[in-house]
């Protein structure tokens, strides 16, 4: 990695516990901060943010991307990062479907799943190669592109619908 023009800082071993604690708090805030009284059913800000037309899913992916970025800084393997990205992609793409996606956001907890993957990796680090800076950069650019598509697609569909209704 020293030969690589794109260097990615790793978190020192002593800083892993506070970083993991911060990521757990963010995950809880996004996925399970509000509990319905009298039940064990909870939800977080992610499904609420997802209700915001057009930009909600974009924001959800950006928050989830931060967890992935920090996991990469903790030295998580490519395989684990790939699973984490898949969780976020599923959350973003299905969450973008009107009505069905909103219900899905209340049940699918991508951030909680990603924290579990991170914790499992940190408990039992594999011999797999940690992700390098270029891989992480590619993953984050890919998530950004998906988020942009989730913003652009509804705008395009609304415009097409508007043109069809107005004859313009």
Protein backbone atom coordinates (compact mmCIF):
# COMPACT_ATOMS: atom_id res chain seq x y z
CA UNK A 1 0.00 0.00 0.00
CA UNK A 2 2.88 2.48 0.44
CA UNK A 3 3.37 2.36 -3.35
CA UNK A 4 -0.25 3.34 -3.92
CA UNK A 5 -0.85 6.99 -4.86
CA UNK A 6 -4.15 6.91 -2.95
CA UNK A 7 -3.44 6.34 0.73
CA UNK A 8 -6.20 5.44 3.13
CA UNK A 9 -5.64 6.01 6.83
CA UNK A 10 -6.17 3.11 9.16
CA UNK A 11 -7.52 3.61 12.66
CA UNK A 12 -5.07 2.79 15.43
CA UNK A 13 -5.97 -0.32 17.48
CA UNK A 14 -6.60 1.76 20.62
CA UNK A 15 -9.18 3.86 18.77
CA UNK A 16 -11.26 0.90 17.55
CA UNK A 17 -13.50 0.74 20.63
CA UNK A 18 -14.60 4.42 20.52
CA UNK A 19 -15.09 4.20 16.75
CA UNK A 20 -17.20 1.06 17.10
CA UNK A 21 -19.24 2.68 19.88
CA UNK A 22 -19.89 5.74 17.67
CA UNK A 23 -20.94 3.52 14.76
CA UNK A 24 -23.28 1.52 17.01
CA UNK A 25 -24.90 4.77 18.15
CA UNK A 26 -25.34 5.95 14.56
CA UNK A 27 -26.80 2.59 13.56
CA UNK A 28 -29.24 2.67 16.47
CA UNK A 29 -30.24 6.23 15.57
CA UNK A 30 -30.87 5.25 11.95
CA UNK A 31 -32.52 1.86 12.52
CA UNK A 32 -34.03 1.55 15.98
CA UNK A 33 -34.12 4.74 18.06
CA UNK A 34 -37.92 4.91 18.49
CA UNK A 35 -39.80 2.04 20.13
CA UNK A 36 -43.56 1.81 19.80
CA UNK A 37 -44.89 1.90 23.39
CA UNK A 38 -46.03 -1.47 24.70
CA UNK A 39 -44.22 -3.38 21.97
CA UNK A 40 -40.71 -4.44 21.07
CA UNK A 41 -41.18 -2.94 17.60
CA UNK A 42 -38.83 -0.11 16.85
CA UNK A 43 -37.70 2.02 13.97
CA UNK A 44 -35.18 4.75 13.39
CA UNK A 45 -34.61 7.87 11.39
CA UNK A 46 -33.72 6.02 8.18
CA UNK A 47 -37.33 5.11 7.28
CA UNK A 48 -38.49 8.57 8.35
CA UNK A 49 -35.83 10.24 6.19
CA UNK A 50 -36.85 7.86 3.39
CA UNK A 51 -40.32 9.43 3.39
CA UNK A 52 -38.83 12.71 2.15
CA UNK A 53 -39.60 12.82 -1.56
CA UNK A 54 -36.63 12.42 -3.90
CA UNK A 55 -33.78 13.22 -1.47
CA UNK A 56 -34.66 10.92 1.43
CA UNK A 57 -33.17 7.76 -0.02
CA UNK A 58 -30.07 9.71 -1.05
CA UNK A 59 -29.53 10.84 2.54
CA UNK A 60 -30.10 7.32 3.84
CA UNK A 61 -27.40 5.94 1.56
CA UNK A 62 -25.00 8.70 2.55
CA UNK A 63 -25.40 7.93 6.27
CA UNK A 64 -24.99 4.22 5.61
CA UNK A 65 -21.91 4.93 3.49
CA UNK A 66 -20.28 6.59 6.48
CA UNK A 67 -20.57 3.33 8.44
CA UNK A 68 -18.96 1.47 5.53
CA UNK A 69 -16.19 4.04 5.28
CA UNK A 70 -15.39 3.73 8.98
CA UNK A 71 -15.50 -0.07 8.75
CA UNK A 72 -12.93 0.14 5.96
CA UNK A 73 -10.76 2.37 8.15
CA UNK A 74 -10.98 -0.32 10.83
CA UNK A 75 -9.40 -2.75 8.35
CA UNK A 76 -12.41 -4.84 7.37
CA UNK A 77 -11.85 -7.27 4.50
CA UNK A 78 -13.14 -6.76 0.97
CA UNK A 79 -15.59 -9.64 1.40
CA UNK A 80 -17.14 -8.07 4.51
CA UNK A 81 -17.26 -4.64 2.89
CA UNK A 82 -18.96 -6.22 -0.12
CA UNK A 83 -21.68 -7.67 2.13
CA UNK A 84 -22.11 -4.30 3.82
CA UNK A 85 -22.45 -2.54 0.47
CA UNK A 86 -25.01 -5.13 -0.66
CA UNK A 87 -27.10 -4.38 2.44
CA UNK A 88 -27.07 -0.67 1.61
CA UNK A 89 -27.87 -1.26 -2.06
CA UNK A 90 -30.85 -3.44 -1.13
CA UNK A 91 -32.00 -0.78 1.33
CA UNK A 92 -31.64 2.00 -1.22
CA UNK A 93 -33.14 0.30 -4.25
CA UNK A 94 -36.11 -1.35 -2.57
CA UNK A 95 -36.63 1.69 -0.37
CA UNK A 96 -37.01 3.83 -3.48
CA UNK A 97 -40.13 1.94 -4.62
CA UNK A 98 -43.15 4.07 -3.69
CA UNK A 99 -45.22 2.78 -0.73
CA UNK A 100 -43.67 -0.73 -0.73
CA UNK A 101 -40.26 0.79 -0.18
CA UNK A 102 -41.51 2.83 2.75
CA UNK A 103 -42.81 -0.30 4.48
CA UNK A 104 -39.58 -2.11 3.62
CA UNK A 105 -37.53 0.68 5.24
CA UNK A 106 -39.32 0.06 8.53
CA UNK A 107 -38.32 -3.62 8.56
CA UNK A 108 -34.95 -3.83 6.77
CA UNK A 109 -32.18 -2.68 9.06
CA UNK A 110 -29.16 -2.36 6.79
CA UNK A 111 -27.12 -0.37 9.30
CA UNK A 112 -27.77 -2.82 12.14
CA UNK A 113 -26.82 -5.69 9.84
CA UNK A 114 -23.65 -3.85 8.86
CA UNK A 115 -22.68 -3.26 12.49
CA UNK A 116 -23.12 -7.00 13.14
CA UNK A 117 -20.88 -7.78 10.16
CA UNK A 118 -18.29 -5.31 11.46
CA UNK A 119 -18.40 -6.72 14.98
CA UNK A 120 -18.10 -10.30 13.69
CA UNK A 121 -15.10 -9.33 11.63
CA UNK A 122 -13.43 -7.55 14.54
CA UNK A 123 -14.05 -10.54 16.84
CA UNK A 124 -12.65 -13.02 14.34
CA UNK A 125 -10.44 -11.21 11.87
CA UNK A 126 -9.95 -13.39 8.86
CA UNK A 127 -6.81 -13.87 6.90
CA UNK A 128 -8.48 -12.13 3.99
CA UNK A 129 -6.80 -9.06 2.61
CA UNK A 130 -8.02 -5.73 3.95
CA UNK A 131 -9.52 -3.42 1.40
CA UNK A 132 -7.06 -1.01 -0.14
CA UNK A 133 -7.71 2.66 -0.81
CA UNK A 134 -8.71 2.22 -4.44
CA UNK A 135 -11.24 -0.49 -3.58
CA UNK A 136 -12.79 1.70 -0.89
CA UNK A 137 -12.81 4.70 -3.22
CA UNK A 138 -14.58 2.59 -5.86
CA UNK A 139 -17.16 1.36 -3.37
CA UNK A 140 -17.94 4.86 -2.17
CA UNK A 141 -18.17 6.23 -5.71
CA UNK A 142 -20.50 3.35 -6.58
CA UNK A 143 -22.75 4.11 -3.61
CA UNK A 144 -22.76 7.80 -4.54
CA UNK A 145 -23.80 6.93 -8.11
CA UNK A 146 -26.62 4.73 -6.82
CA UNK A 147 -27.76 7.54 -4.54
CA UNK A 148 -27.73 9.99 -7.46
CA UNK A 149 -29.78 7.58 -9.57
CA UNK A 150 -32.28 7.31 -6.71
CA UNK A 151 -32.66 11.09 -6.85
CA UNK A 152 -32.70 11.42 -10.64
CA UNK A 153 -35.06 8.53 -11.43
CA UNK A 154 -38.11 9.90 -9.57
CA UNK A 155 -37.51 13.35 -11.09
CA UNK A 156 -37.43 11.85 -14.58
CA UNK A 157 -40.53 9.72 -13.92
CA UNK A 158 -42.48 12.69 -12.52
CA UNK A 159 -41.49 14.79 -15.52
CA UNK A 160 -42.57 12.05 -17.94
CA UNK A 161 -45.87 11.67 -16.09
CA UNK A 162 -46.41 15.43 -16.09
CA UNK A 163 -45.73 15.62 -19.84
CA UNK A 164 -48.14 12.73 -20.45
CA UNK A 165 -50.89 14.39 -18.41
CA UNK A 166 -50.43 17.87 -19.85
CA UNK A 167 -49.70 16.77 -23.39
CA UNK A 168 -46.41 18.70 -23.37
